[in-house]
Amino acid sequence: MITYDLPVTIKDIIDAQKTIRGHVYKTGMPKSNYLSEKCNGTIHLKFENMQRTGSFKLRGAFNKLSSLTPEERAQGIVACSAGNHAQGVSLSCAMLGINGKVVMPTGAPKSKIAATSDYSAEVVLHGNNFNDTIAKAREIIEQEGRIFIPPYDDEKVIAGQGTIGLEILEDLYDVDNVIVPIGGGGLIAGVAVALKSINPTINVIGVQSENVHGMEASYRAGKITTHRDAGTVADGCDVSTPGSITYDIVKELVTDIILVTEEEIRESMIALIQRNKVVTEGAGALASAAILSGKLKKYIEHKKTVSIISGGNIDLTRISEIIGTHEK
């Protein structure tokens, strides 16, 4: 086992696995015959869309909140998110008995607002984007003294997400490649540390939309930079600038980052529904989009690959729109 000189270590992830056990599901990872045939390899799907709250975010949120001291818990917490992190934080607060507030943009999907509120946290609607919600969260911290729970750029959050990597190795110890969606980078950073610490020959490959790829741009430039041309159907990964902690890990451990088009993401969502009977949000379909696009052929042909489906929180109306566009 290798211990890298990075902000998050394999020990942190093993400790996180102990912390979240019994509170977070170990999700399934079946083989996809359809994707395997399409790419001439063996493809397994890691079903984080079947996680509690419908995404991987619960892992990091619960691990972070569990690390708070009794005094910090008594202060209450605040987070900001358009959806999946919000729900993960809210359910974690309910399980741990912590008073939580979550700032969400006014345009967040009603289903995600309702779910966040139902789990326990008070929802504060403010602004139109992530920067607006951050500003409001800071205001709440100043006024109420709450503890901020970051969505991705935090050691405890990253370690929690990294438990997915441990589960992958438990179920497929001889995996060759793991394909991971990227937004701010918390998921791929944690998974990369887990996998590479145990088997450094595994390829960890990230995927982003051509429209928004701050991490890919930073990875190529060798420094943190920003990229956003337009919005993306992978709205859970609509992050224009990566975190500093996540970037440091990604630049050290990630093999490659692939970009996919909006059409490739939609085609992936439809293929997962039609051929694998899996409902996923746009961000959750990024890894499979890269596989179906053929852009990963040199890595995955005749190899064992895991595609992480990071979440499945999508409104039925949005699914109808995507299918309707496809059929025209």
C-alpha atoms as a PDB file:
ATOM      1  CA  MET A   1       0.000   0.000   0.000  1.00  0.00           C
ATOM      2  CA  ILE A   2       1.305   3.447  -0.961  1.00  0.00           C
ATOM      3  CA  THR A   3       0.826   6.592   1.122  1.00  0.00           C
ATOM      4  CA  TYR A   4       1.056   9.688  -1.059  1.00  0.00           C
ATOM      5  CA  ASP A   5       2.125  13.087   0.276  1.00  0.00           C
ATOM      6  CA  LEU A   6      -1.300  14.574  -0.385  1.00  0.00           C
ATOM      7  CA  PRO A   7      -3.982  16.274   1.749  1.00  0.00           C
ATOM      8  CA  VAL A   8      -6.031  13.031   1.850  1.00  0.00           C
ATOM      9  CA  THR A   9      -4.495   9.606   2.496  1.00  0.00           C
ATOM     10  CA  ILE A  10      -5.686   6.022   2.249  1.00  0.00           C
ATOM     11  CA  LYS A  11      -5.895   5.949   6.069  1.00  0.00           C
ATOM     12  CA  ASP A  12      -8.332   8.870   5.956  1.00  0.00           C
ATOM     13  CA  ILE A  13     -10.530   6.934   3.536  1.00  0.00           C
ATOM     14  CA  ILE A  14     -10.406   3.705   5.552  1.00  0.00           C
ATOM     15  CA  ASP A  15     -11.365   5.733   8.642  1.00  0.00           C
ATOM     16  CA  ALA A  16     -14.209   7.332   6.673  1.00  0.00           C
ATOM     17  CA  GLN A  17     -15.492   3.901   5.664  1.00  0.00           C
ATOM     18  CA  LYS A  18     -15.714   2.944   9.344  1.00  0.00           C
ATOM     19  CA  THR A  19     -17.515   6.200  10.124  1.00  0.00           C
ATOM     20  CA  ILE A  20     -20.191   5.934   7.437  1.00  0.00           C
ATOM     21  CA  ARG A  21     -20.785   2.163   7.713  1.00  0.00           C
ATOM     22  CA  GLY A  22     -24.389   1.472   8.703  1.00  0.00           C
ATOM     23  CA  HIS A  23     -25.518   4.925   7.598  1.00  0.00           C
ATOM     24  CA  VAL A  24     -24.648   4.797   3.895  1.00  0.00           C
ATOM     25  CA  TYR A  25     -25.376   1.957   1.477  1.00  0.00           C
ATOM     26  CA  LYS A  26     -22.712  -0.144  -0.165  1.00  0.00           C
ATOM     27  CA  THR A  27     -24.074   0.230  -3.693  1.00  0.00           C
ATOM     28  CA  GLY A  28     -24.231  -2.452  -6.371  1.00  0.00           C
ATOM     29  CA  MET A  29     -21.820  -2.772  -9.281  1.00  0.00           C
ATOM     30  CA  PRO A  30     -23.261  -5.148 -11.916  1.00  0.00           C
ATOM     31  CA  LYS A  31     -21.797  -5.799 -15.339  1.00  0.00           C
ATOM     32  CA  SER A  32     -23.462  -3.964 -18.231  1.00  0.00           C
ATOM     33  CA  ASN A  33     -23.698  -6.396 -21.140  1.00  0.00           C
ATOM     34  CA  TYR A  34     -24.746  -3.565 -23.457  1.00  0.00           C
ATOM     35  CA  LEU A  35     -21.788  -1.294 -22.698  1.00  0.00           C
ATOM     36  CA  SER A  36     -19.400  -4.251 -22.642  1.00  0.00           C
ATOM     37  CA  GLU A  37     -20.447  -5.282 -26.150  1.00  0.00           C
ATOM     38  CA  LYS A  38     -20.298  -1.696 -27.435  1.00  0.00           C
ATOM     39  CA  CYS A  39     -16.707  -1.153 -26.301  1.00  0.00           C
ATOM     40  CA  ASN A  40     -15.290  -4.673 -26.667  1.00  0.00           C
ATOM     41  CA  GLY A  41     -14.373  -4.815 -22.996  1.00  0.00           C
ATOM     42  CA  THR A  42     -15.946  -5.551 -19.619  1.00  0.00           C
ATOM     43  CA  ILE A  43     -17.916  -2.652 -18.126  1.00  0.00           C
ATOM     44  CA  HIS A  44     -19.398  -2.552 -14.631  1.00  0.00           C
ATOM     45  CA  LEU A  45     -21.719   0.226 -13.435  1.00  0.00           C
ATOM     46  CA  LYS A  46     -21.268   1.559  -9.883  1.00  0.00           C
ATOM     47  CA  PHE A  47     -24.811   2.490  -8.857  1.00  0.00           C
ATOM     48  CA  GLU A  48     -24.444   5.608  -6.694  1.00  0.00           C
ATOM     49  CA  ASN A  49     -27.791   6.691  -8.139  1.00  0.00           C
ATOM     50  CA  MET A  50     -29.204   4.021  -5.806  1.00  0.00           C
ATOM     51  CA  GLN A  51     -27.506   5.555  -2.761  1.00  0.00           C
ATOM     52  CA  ARG A  52     -29.598   7.153  -0.010  1.00  0.00           C
ATOM     53  CA  THR A  53     -30.624  10.642  -1.239  1.00  0.00           C
ATOM     54  CA  GLY A  54     -29.959   9.457  -4.814  1.00  0.00           C
ATOM     55  CA  SER A  55     -26.268  10.365  -5.079  1.00  0.00           C
ATOM     56  CA  PHE A  56     -22.753   9.763  -3.733  1.00  0.00           C
ATOM     57  CA  LYS A  57     -22.774  13.093  -1.881  1.00  0.00           C
ATOM     58  CA  LEU A  58     -24.137  11.560   1.331  1.00  0.00           C
ATOM     59  CA  ARG A  59     -20.800   9.809   1.904  1.00  0.00           C
ATOM     60  CA  GLY A  60     -18.740  12.977   2.163  1.00  0.00           C
ATOM     61  CA  ALA A  61     -21.412  14.967   3.969  1.00  0.00           C
ATOM     62  CA  PHE A  62     -21.874  12.346   6.688  1.00  0.00           C
ATOM     63  CA  ASN A  63     -18.131  11.909   7.170  1.00  0.00           C
ATOM     64  CA  LYS A  64     -17.607  15.665   7.466  1.00  0.00           C
ATOM     65  CA  LEU A  65     -20.487  16.232   9.873  1.00  0.00           C
ATOM     66  CA  SER A  66     -19.406  13.256  11.992  1.00  0.00           C
ATOM     67  CA  SER A  67     -15.996  14.906  12.453  1.00  0.00           C
ATOM     68  CA  LEU A  68     -17.437  18.012  14.114  1.00  0.00           C
ATOM     69  CA  THR A  69     -16.807  18.484  17.830  1.00  0.00           C
ATOM     70  CA  PRO A  70     -19.768  18.665  20.248  1.00  0.00           C
ATOM     71  CA  GLU A  71     -19.253  22.433  20.420  1.00  0.00           C
ATOM     72  CA  GLU A  72     -19.311  22.756  16.623  1.00  0.00           C
ATOM     73  CA  ARG A  73     -22.424  20.596  16.357  1.00  0.00           C
ATOM     74  CA  ALA A  74     -24.145  22.849  18.865  1.00  0.00           C
ATOM     75  CA  GLN A  75     -23.392  25.858  16.640  1.00  0.00           C
ATOM     76  CA  GLY A  76     -25.343  24.322  13.758  1.00  0.00           C
ATOM     77  CA  ILE A  77     -24.170  24.139  10.159  1.00  0.00           C
ATOM     78  CA  VAL A  78     -24.809  25.813   6.833  1.00  0.00           C
ATOM     79  CA  ALA A  79     -24.207  24.515   3.321  1.00  0.00           C
ATOM     80  CA  CYS A  80     -24.995  25.690  -0.183  1.00  0.00           C
ATOM     81  CA  SER A  81     -25.962  23.551  -3.138  1.00  0.00           C
ATOM     82  CA  ALA A  82     -28.396  23.262  -6.023  1.00  0.00           C
ATOM     83  CA  GLY A  83     -29.304  19.710  -5.121  1.00  0.00           C
ATOM     84  CA  ASN A  84     -27.259  16.620  -4.262  1.00  0.00           C
ATOM     85  CA  HIS A  85     -24.915  18.069  -1.624  1.00  0.00           C
ATOM     86  CA  ALA A  86     -27.935  19.807  -0.091  1.00  0.00           C
ATOM     87  CA  GLN A  87     -29.765  16.511   0.322  1.00  0.00           C
ATOM     88  CA  GLY A  88     -26.688  14.702   1.641  1.00  0.00           C
ATOM     89  CA  VAL A  89     -26.101  17.392   4.257  1.00  0.00           C
ATOM     90  CA  SER A  90     -29.766  17.535   5.250  1.00  0.00           C
ATOM     91  CA  LEU A  91     -30.096  13.777   5.806  1.00  0.00           C
ATOM     92  CA  SER A  92     -26.767  13.695   7.662  1.00  0.00           C
ATOM     93  CA  CYS A  93     -28.027  16.446   9.967  1.00  0.00           C
ATOM     94  CA  ALA A  94     -31.143  14.384  10.674  1.00  0.00           C
ATOM     95  CA  MET A  95     -29.099  11.266  11.480  1.00  0.00           C
ATOM     96  CA  LEU A  96     -26.640  13.140  13.711  1.00  0.00           C
ATOM     97  CA  GLY A  97     -29.086  15.522  15.405  1.00  0.00           C
ATOM     98  CA  ILE A  98     -27.476  18.691  14.041  1.00  0.00           C
ATOM     99  CA  ASN A  99     -29.414  21.842  13.193  1.00  0.00           C
ATOM    100  CA  GLY A 100     -28.803  22.630   9.536  1.00  0.00           C
ATOM    101  CA  LYS A 101     -29.502  25.368   7.021  1.00  0.00           C
ATOM    102  CA  VAL A 102     -28.981  24.892   3.300  1.00  0.00           C
ATOM    103  CA  VAL A 103     -28.879  27.789   0.845  1.00  0.00           C
ATOM    104  CA  MET A 104     -30.219  26.844  -2.587  1.00  0.00           C
ATOM    105  CA  PRO A 105     -30.644  29.015  -5.702  1.00  0.00           C
ATOM    106  CA  THR A 106     -34.186  30.139  -6.413  1.00  0.00           C
ATOM    107  CA  GLY A 107     -34.170  28.186  -9.674  1.00  0.00           C
ATOM    108  CA  ALA A 108     -33.261  24.835  -8.083  1.00  0.00           C
ATOM    109  CA  PRO A 109     -35.600  21.978  -9.078  1.00  0.00           C
ATOM    110  CA  LYS A 110     -38.656  21.899  -6.833  1.00  0.00           C
ATOM    111  CA  SER A 111     -38.180  18.178  -6.200  1.00  0.00           C
ATOM    112  CA  LYS A 112     -34.665  18.776  -4.823  1.00  0.00           C
ATOM    113  CA  ILE A 113     -35.830  21.670  -2.653  1.00  0.00           C
ATOM    114  CA  ALA A 114     -38.655  19.529  -1.259  1.00  0.00           C
ATOM    115  CA  ALA A 115     -36.368  16.548  -0.593  1.00  0.00           C
ATOM    116  CA  THR A 116     -33.792  18.719   1.176  1.00  0.00           C
ATOM    117  CA  SER A 117     -36.467  20.254   3.375  1.00  0.00           C
ATOM    118  CA  ASP A 118     -38.082  16.890   4.116  1.00  0.00           C
ATOM    119  CA  TYR A 119     -34.824  15.356   5.391  1.00  0.00           C
ATOM    120  CA  SER A 120     -34.492  17.992   8.155  1.00  0.00           C
ATOM    121  CA  ALA A 121     -32.603  21.134   7.113  1.00  0.00           C
ATOM    122  CA  GLU A 122     -34.135  24.579   6.757  1.00  0.00           C
ATOM    123  CA  VAL A 123     -33.923  25.636   3.114  1.00  0.00           C
ATOM    124  CA  VAL A 124     -33.036  29.257   2.325  1.00  0.00           C
ATOM    125  CA  LEU A 125     -33.686  30.210  -1.311  1.00  0.00           C
ATOM    126  CA  HIS A 126     -31.358  32.933  -2.565  1.00  0.00           C
ATOM    127  CA  GLY A 127     -29.903  34.140  -5.851  1.00  0.00           C
ATOM    128  CA  ASN A 128     -29.521  32.456  -9.206  1.00  0.00           C
ATOM    129  CA  ASN A 129     -26.227  30.552  -9.027  1.00  0.00           C
ATOM    130  CA  PHE A 130     -23.617  28.952  -6.782  1.00  0.00           C
ATOM    131  CA  ASN A 131     -21.747  32.230  -6.175  1.00  0.00           C
ATOM    132  CA  ASP A 132     -24.971  33.823  -4.924  1.00  0.00           C
ATOM    133  CA  THR A 133     -25.601  30.948  -2.522  1.00  0.00           C
ATOM    134  CA  ILE A 134     -22.011  31.108  -1.212  1.00  0.00           C
ATOM    135  CA  ALA A 135     -22.447  34.812  -0.466  1.00  0.00           C
ATOM    136  CA  LYS A 136     -25.668  34.126   1.432  1.00  0.00           C
ATOM    137  CA  ALA A 137     -24.056  31.268   3.368  1.00  0.00           C
ATOM    138  CA  ARG A 138     -21.240  33.603   4.463  1.00  0.00           C
ATOM    139  CA  GLU A 139     -23.832  36.107   5.630  1.00  0.00           C
ATOM    140  CA  ILE A 140     -25.533  33.406   7.708  1.00  0.00           C
ATOM    141  CA  ILE A 141     -22.176  32.362   9.200  1.00  0.00           C
ATOM    142  CA  GLU A 142     -21.490  35.973  10.265  1.00  0.00           C
ATOM    143  CA  GLN A 143     -24.947  36.396  11.778  1.00  0.00           C
ATOM    144  CA  GLU A 144     -25.436  32.981  13.398  1.00  0.00           C
ATOM    145  CA  GLY A 145     -21.947  31.509  13.848  1.00  0.00           C
ATOM    146  CA  ARG A 146     -22.741  28.312  11.964  1.00  0.00           C
ATOM    147  CA  ILE A 147     -20.093  25.902  10.620  1.00  0.00           C
ATOM    148  CA  PHE A 148     -19.765  25.782   6.825  1.00  0.00           C
ATOM    149  CA  ILE A 149     -19.893  22.358   5.137  1.00  0.00           C
ATOM    150  CA  PRO A 150     -18.090  22.573   1.756  1.00  0.00           C
ATOM    151  CA  PRO A 151     -19.454  20.598  -1.214  1.00  0.00           C
ATOM    152  CA  TYR A 152     -16.119  19.208  -2.413  1.00  0.00           C
ATOM    153  CA  ASP A 153     -12.913  21.041  -1.409  1.00  0.00           C
ATOM    154  CA  ASP A 154     -12.497  19.550   2.055  1.00  0.00           C
ATOM    155  CA  GLU A 155     -10.381  16.654   3.337  1.00  0.00           C
ATOM    156  CA  LYS A 156     -13.208  14.927   5.229  1.00  0.00           C
ATOM    157  CA  VAL A 157     -15.619  15.299   2.314  1.00  0.00           C
ATOM    158  CA  ILE A 158     -13.053  13.910  -0.140  1.00  0.00           C
ATOM    159  CA  ALA A 159     -12.266  10.982   2.172  1.00  0.00           C
ATOM    160  CA  GLY A 160     -15.957  10.138   2.378  1.00  0.00           C
ATOM    161  CA  GLN A 161     -16.308  10.106  -1.398  1.00  0.00           C
ATOM    162  CA  GLY A 162     -13.185   7.934  -1.600  1.00  0.00           C
ATOM    163  CA  THR A 163     -15.013   5.062   0.100  1.00  0.00           C
ATOM    164  CA  ILE A 164     -16.475   4.323  -3.338  1.00  0.00           C
ATOM    165  CA  GLY A 165     -12.970   3.360  -4.444  1.00  0.00           C
ATOM    166  CA  LEU A 166     -12.653   0.862  -1.594  1.00  0.00           C
ATOM    167  CA  GLU A 167     -16.001  -0.693  -2.531  1.00  0.00           C
ATOM    168  CA  ILE A 168     -14.934  -1.012  -6.165  1.00  0.00           C
ATOM    169  CA  LEU A 169     -11.829  -2.968  -5.145  1.00  0.00           C
ATOM    170  CA  GLU A 170     -13.868  -5.179  -2.806  1.00  0.00           C
ATOM    171  CA  ASP A 171     -16.106  -6.213  -5.715  1.00  0.00           C
ATOM    172  CA  LEU A 172     -13.598  -6.156  -8.607  1.00  0.00           C
ATOM    173  CA  TYR A 173     -10.061  -6.352  -7.253  1.00  0.00           C
ATOM    174  CA  ASP A 174      -8.474  -6.669 -10.723  1.00  0.00           C
ATOM    175  CA  VAL A 175     -10.165  -3.612 -12.253  1.00  0.00           C
ATOM    176  CA  ASP A 176      -8.059  -1.843 -14.903  1.00  0.00           C
ATOM    177  CA  ASN A 177      -9.901   1.478 -15.279  1.00  0.00           C
ATOM    178  CA  VAL A 178     -12.339   3.561 -13.244  1.00  0.00           C
ATOM    179  CA  ILE A 179     -14.206   6.325 -15.072  1.00  0.00           C
ATOM    180  CA  VAL A 180     -15.424   9.192 -12.885  1.00  0.00           C
ATOM    181  CA  PRO A 181     -17.604  12.293 -13.470  1.00  0.00           C
ATOM    182  CA  ILE A 182     -15.972  15.564 -12.415  1.00  0.00           C
ATOM    183  CA  GLY A 183     -17.523  18.769 -11.109  1.00  0.00           C
ATOM    184  CA  GLY A 184     -15.467  20.357  -8.340  1.00  0.00           C
ATOM    185  CA  GLY A 185     -13.398  17.192  -8.096  1.00  0.00           C
ATOM    186  CA  GLY A 186     -14.294  15.744  -4.699  1.00  0.00           C
ATOM    187  CA  LEU A 187     -15.427  12.398  -6.081  1.00  0.00           C
ATOM    188  CA  ILE A 188     -12.498  11.743  -8.413  1.00  0.00           C
ATOM    189  CA  ALA A 189      -9.958  12.974  -5.847  1.00  0.00           C
ATOM    190  CA  GLY A 190     -11.209  10.572  -3.188  1.00  0.00           C
ATOM    191  CA  VAL A 191     -11.581   7.638  -5.571  1.00  0.00           C
ATOM    192  CA  ALA A 192      -8.102   8.240  -7.012  1.00  0.00           C
ATOM    193  CA  VAL A 193      -6.449   8.212  -3.587  1.00  0.00           C
ATOM    194  CA  ALA A 194      -8.259   4.995  -2.625  1.00  0.00           C
ATOM    195  CA  LEU A 195      -7.455   3.140  -5.836  1.00  0.00           C
ATOM    196  CA  LYS A 196      -3.924   4.364  -6.485  1.00  0.00           C
ATOM    197  CA  SER A 197      -2.824   3.785  -2.884  1.00  0.00           C
ATOM    198  CA  ILE A 198      -3.775   0.109  -3.163  1.00  0.00           C
ATOM    199  CA  ASN A 199      -2.974  -0.508  -6.853  1.00  0.00           C
ATOM    200  CA  PRO A 200      -1.067   2.287  -8.639  1.00  0.00           C
ATOM    201  CA  THR A 201      -1.504   0.594 -12.041  1.00  0.00           C
ATOM    202  CA  ILE A 202      -5.252   1.355 -12.151  1.00  0.00           C
ATOM    203  CA  ASN A 203      -6.187   4.131 -14.575  1.00  0.00           C
ATOM    204  CA  VAL A 204      -8.427   6.764 -12.983  1.00  0.00           C
ATOM    205  CA  ILE A 205     -10.012   8.805 -15.769  1.00  0.00           C
ATOM    206  CA  GLY A 206     -12.248  11.832 -15.335  1.00  0.00           C
ATOM    207  CA  VAL A 207     -15.030  13.074 -17.592  1.00  0.00           C
ATOM    208  CA  GLN A 208     -16.438  16.576 -18.010  1.00  0.00           C
ATOM    209  CA  SER A 209     -18.765  18.354 -20.397  1.00  0.00           C
ATOM    210  CA  GLU A 210     -17.240  20.383 -23.228  1.00  0.00           C
ATOM    211  CA  ASN A 211     -19.394  23.278 -21.997  1.00  0.00           C
ATOM    212  CA  VAL A 212     -17.987  23.363 -18.449  1.00  0.00           C
ATOM    213  CA  HIS A 213     -14.579  21.846 -17.765  1.00  0.00           C
ATOM    214  CA  GLY A 214     -12.630  23.815 -15.200  1.00  0.00           C
ATOM    215  CA  MET A 215     -10.795  20.763 -13.884  1.00  0.00           C
ATOM    216  CA  GLU A 216      -9.799  19.537 -17.356  1.00  0.00           C
ATOM    217  CA  ALA A 217      -8.569  23.021 -18.298  1.00  0.00           C
ATOM    218  CA  SER A 218      -6.583  23.220 -15.050  1.00  0.00           C
ATOM    219  CA  TYR A 219      -5.185  19.705 -15.554  1.00  0.00           C
ATOM    220  CA  ARG A 220      -3.892  20.668 -19.023  1.00  0.00           C
ATOM    221  CA  ALA A 221      -2.611  24.102 -17.948  1.00  0.00           C
ATOM    222  CA  GLY A 222      -0.803  22.828 -14.870  1.00  0.00           C
ATOM    223  CA  LYS A 223      -2.515  25.405 -12.661  1.00  0.00           C
ATOM    224  CA  ILE A 224      -6.019  26.177 -11.433  1.00  0.00           C
ATOM    225  CA  THR A 225      -8.037  27.963 -14.071  1.00  0.00           C
ATOM    226  CA  THR A 226     -11.677  28.554 -14.996  1.00  0.00           C
ATOM    227  CA  HIS A 227     -13.751  27.319 -17.900  1.00  0.00           C
ATOM    228  CA  ARG A 228     -17.451  27.733 -18.648  1.00  0.00           C
ATOM    229  CA  ASP A 229     -18.831  28.405 -22.140  1.00  0.00           C
ATOM    230  CA  ALA A 230     -22.455  27.552 -21.368  1.00  0.00           C
ATOM    231  CA  GLY A 231     -24.652  25.470 -19.091  1.00  0.00           C
ATOM    232  CA  THR A 232     -24.783  21.694 -19.301  1.00  0.00           C
ATOM    233  CA  VAL A 233     -27.354  18.928 -18.970  1.00  0.00           C
ATOM    234  CA  ALA A 234     -24.864  17.534 -16.438  1.00  0.00           C
ATOM    235  CA  ASP A 235     -25.906  20.310 -14.062  1.00  0.00           C
ATOM    236  CA  GLY A 236     -24.556  18.488 -11.005  1.00  0.00           C
ATOM    237  CA  CYS A 237     -21.074  18.970 -12.519  1.00  0.00           C
ATOM    238  CA  ASP A 238     -21.568  22.585 -13.570  1.00  0.00           C
ATOM    239  CA  VAL A 239     -18.472  23.833 -11.713  1.00  0.00           C
ATOM    240  CA  SER A 240     -16.283  26.274 -13.613  1.00  0.00           C
ATOM    241  CA  THR A 241     -13.319  26.347 -11.200  1.00  0.00           C
ATOM    242  CA  PRO A 242     -12.049  23.272  -9.325  1.00  0.00           C
ATOM    243  CA  GLY A 243     -11.097  23.225  -5.677  1.00  0.00           C
ATOM    244  CA  SER A 244      -7.452  23.696  -4.669  1.00  0.00           C
ATOM    245  CA  ILE A 245      -7.308  20.482  -2.636  1.00  0.00           C
ATOM    246  CA  THR A 246      -9.067  18.447  -5.308  1.00  0.00           C
ATOM    247  CA  TYR A 247      -6.843  19.892  -8.035  1.00  0.00           C
ATOM    248  CA  ASP A 248      -3.658  18.974  -6.153  1.00  0.00           C
ATOM    249  CA  ILE A 249      -4.823  15.355  -5.921  1.00  0.00           C
ATOM    250  CA  VAL A 250      -6.101  15.155  -9.497  1.00  0.00           C
ATOM    251  CA  LYS A 251      -2.907  16.521 -11.072  1.00  0.00           C
ATOM    252  CA  GLU A 252      -0.899  13.918  -9.140  1.00  0.00           C
ATOM    253  CA  LEU A 253      -3.020  10.772  -9.512  1.00  0.00           C
ATOM    254  CA  VAL A 254      -5.476  11.034 -12.418  1.00  0.00           C
ATOM    255  CA  THR A 255      -4.468   9.372 -15.698  1.00  0.00           C
ATOM    256  CA  ASP A 256      -6.541  11.480 -18.091  1.00  0.00           C
ATOM    257  CA  ILE A 257      -9.614  13.712 -18.357  1.00  0.00           C
ATOM    258  CA  ILE A 258     -11.978  13.324 -21.310  1.00  0.00           C
ATOM    259  CA  LEU A 259     -14.519  15.841 -22.618  1.00  0.00           C
ATOM    260  CA  VAL A 260     -17.925  14.860 -23.998  1.00  0.00           C
ATOM    261  CA  THR A 261     -20.562  16.854 -25.873  1.00  0.00           C
ATOM    262  CA  GLU A 262     -24.045  17.666 -24.629  1.00  0.00           C
ATOM    263  CA  GLU A 263     -25.482  15.304 -27.234  1.00  0.00           C
ATOM    264  CA  GLU A 264     -23.204  12.490 -26.037  1.00  0.00           C
ATOM    265  CA  ILE A 265     -24.427  13.038 -22.469  1.00  0.00           C
ATOM    266  CA  ARG A 266     -28.076  12.894 -23.550  1.00  0.00           C
ATOM    267  CA  GLU A 267     -27.441   9.771 -25.648  1.00  0.00           C
ATOM    268  CA  SER A 268     -25.809   8.158 -22.628  1.00  0.00           C
ATOM    269  CA  MET A 269     -28.791   8.962 -20.396  1.00  0.00           C
ATOM    270  CA  ILE A 270     -31.157   7.427 -22.940  1.00  0.00           C
ATOM    271  CA  ALA A 271     -28.974   4.337 -23.430  1.00  0.00           C
ATOM    272  CA  LEU A 272     -28.819   3.755 -19.681  1.00  0.00           C
ATOM    273  CA  ILE A 273     -32.615   3.966 -19.454  1.00  0.00           C
ATOM    274  CA  GLN A 274     -33.347   1.827 -22.506  1.00  0.00           C
ATOM    275  CA  ARG A 275     -30.603  -0.797 -22.303  1.00  0.00           C
ATOM    276  CA  ASN A 276     -29.726  -0.959 -18.597  1.00  0.00           C
ATOM    277  CA  LYS A 277     -33.041   0.191 -17.042  1.00  0.00           C
ATOM    278  CA  VAL A 278     -31.137   2.816 -15.065  1.00  0.00           C
ATOM    279  CA  VAL A 279     -32.429   6.349 -14.516  1.00  0.00           C
ATOM    280  CA  THR A 280     -29.606   8.834 -14.090  1.00  0.00           C
ATOM    281  CA  GLU A 281     -29.161  12.583 -14.006  1.00  0.00           C
ATOM    282  CA  GLY A 282     -26.882  14.211 -16.564  1.00  0.00           C
ATOM    283  CA  ALA A 283     -23.836  14.221 -14.294  1.00  0.00           C
ATOM    284  CA  GLY A 284     -24.392  10.552 -13.551  1.00  0.00           C
ATOM    285  CA  ALA A 285     -24.259   9.733 -17.262  1.00  0.00           C
ATOM    286  CA  LEU A 286     -20.897  11.432 -17.940  1.00  0.00           C
ATOM    287  CA  ALA A 287     -18.715   8.348 -17.476  1.00  0.00           C
ATOM    288  CA  SER A 288     -20.930   6.179 -19.679  1.00  0.00           C
ATOM    289  CA  ALA A 289     -21.033   8.978 -22.263  1.00  0.00           C
ATOM    290  CA  ALA A 290     -17.247   8.840 -22.541  1.00  0.00           C
ATOM    291  CA  ILE A 291     -17.378   5.061 -22.968  1.00  0.00           C
ATOM    292  CA  LEU A 292     -20.083   5.167 -25.657  1.00  0.00           C
ATOM    293  CA  SER A 293     -18.316   8.011 -27.509  1.00  0.00           C
ATOM    294  CA  GLY A 294     -15.331   5.788 -28.302  1.00  0.00           C
ATOM    295  CA  LYS A 295     -12.928   8.322 -26.768  1.00  0.00           C
ATOM    296  CA  LEU A 296     -11.730   5.787 -24.196  1.00  0.00           C
ATOM    297  CA  LYS A 297     -11.052   2.933 -26.609  1.00  0.00           C
ATOM    298  CA  LYS A 298      -7.292   2.809 -25.977  1.00  0.00           C
ATOM    299  CA  TYR A 299      -7.936   2.329 -22.262  1.00  0.00           C
ATOM    300  CA  ILE A 300     -10.969   0.057 -22.095  1.00  0.00           C
ATOM    301  CA  GLU A 301     -10.774  -2.366 -25.031  1.00  0.00           C
ATOM    302  CA  HIS A 302     -10.237  -5.913 -23.666  1.00  0.00           C
ATOM    303  CA  LYS A 303      -9.975  -4.470 -20.132  1.00  0.00           C
ATOM    304  CA  LYS A 304     -12.104  -4.388 -16.970  1.00  0.00           C
ATOM    305  CA  THR A 305     -13.633  -0.966 -16.391  1.00  0.00           C
ATOM    306  CA  VAL A 306     -15.970   0.578 -13.815  1.00  0.00           C
ATOM    307  CA  SER A 307     -18.201   3.486 -14.811  1.00  0.00           C
ATOM    308  CA  ILE A 308     -19.432   5.463 -11.804  1.00  0.00           C
ATOM    309  CA  ILE A 309     -23.061   6.571 -12.059  1.00  0.00           C
ATOM    310  CA  SER A 310     -22.774   9.352  -9.509  1.00  0.00           C
ATOM    311  CA  GLY A 311     -26.441  10.266  -9.100  1.00  0.00           C
ATOM    312  CA  GLY A 312     -30.003   9.817 -10.266  1.00  0.00           C
ATOM    313  CA  ASN A 313     -31.807  12.926  -9.046  1.00  0.00           C
ATOM    314  CA  ILE A 314     -33.641  14.175 -12.107  1.00  0.00           C
ATOM    315  CA  ASP A 315     -37.176  15.476 -12.570  1.00  0.00           C
ATOM    316  CA  LEU A 316     -39.514  13.362 -14.683  1.00  0.00           C
ATOM    317  CA  THR A 317     -40.235  16.403 -16.850  1.00  0.00           C
ATOM    318  CA  ARG A 318     -36.513  16.709 -17.621  1.00  0.00           C
ATOM    319  CA  ILE A 319     -36.347  13.057 -18.656  1.00  0.00           C
ATOM    320  CA  SER A 320     -39.341  13.606 -20.934  1.00  0.00           C
ATOM    321  CA  GLU A 321     -37.630  16.604 -22.535  1.00  0.00           C
ATOM    322  CA  ILE A 322     -34.443  14.628 -23.212  1.00  0.00           C
ATOM    323  CA  ILE A 323     -36.304  11.651 -24.665  1.00  0.00           C
ATOM    324  CA  GLY A 324     -38.504  13.979 -26.720  1.00  0.00           C
ATOM    325  CA  THR A 325     -35.471  15.739 -28.196  1.00  0.00           C
ATOM    326  CA  HIS A 326     -33.911  12.366 -29.012  1.00  0.00           C
ATOM    327  CA  GLU A 327     -37.008  11.146 -30.874  1.00  0.00           C
ATOM    328  CA  LYS A 328     -37.335  14.217 -33.114  1.00  0.00           C
END
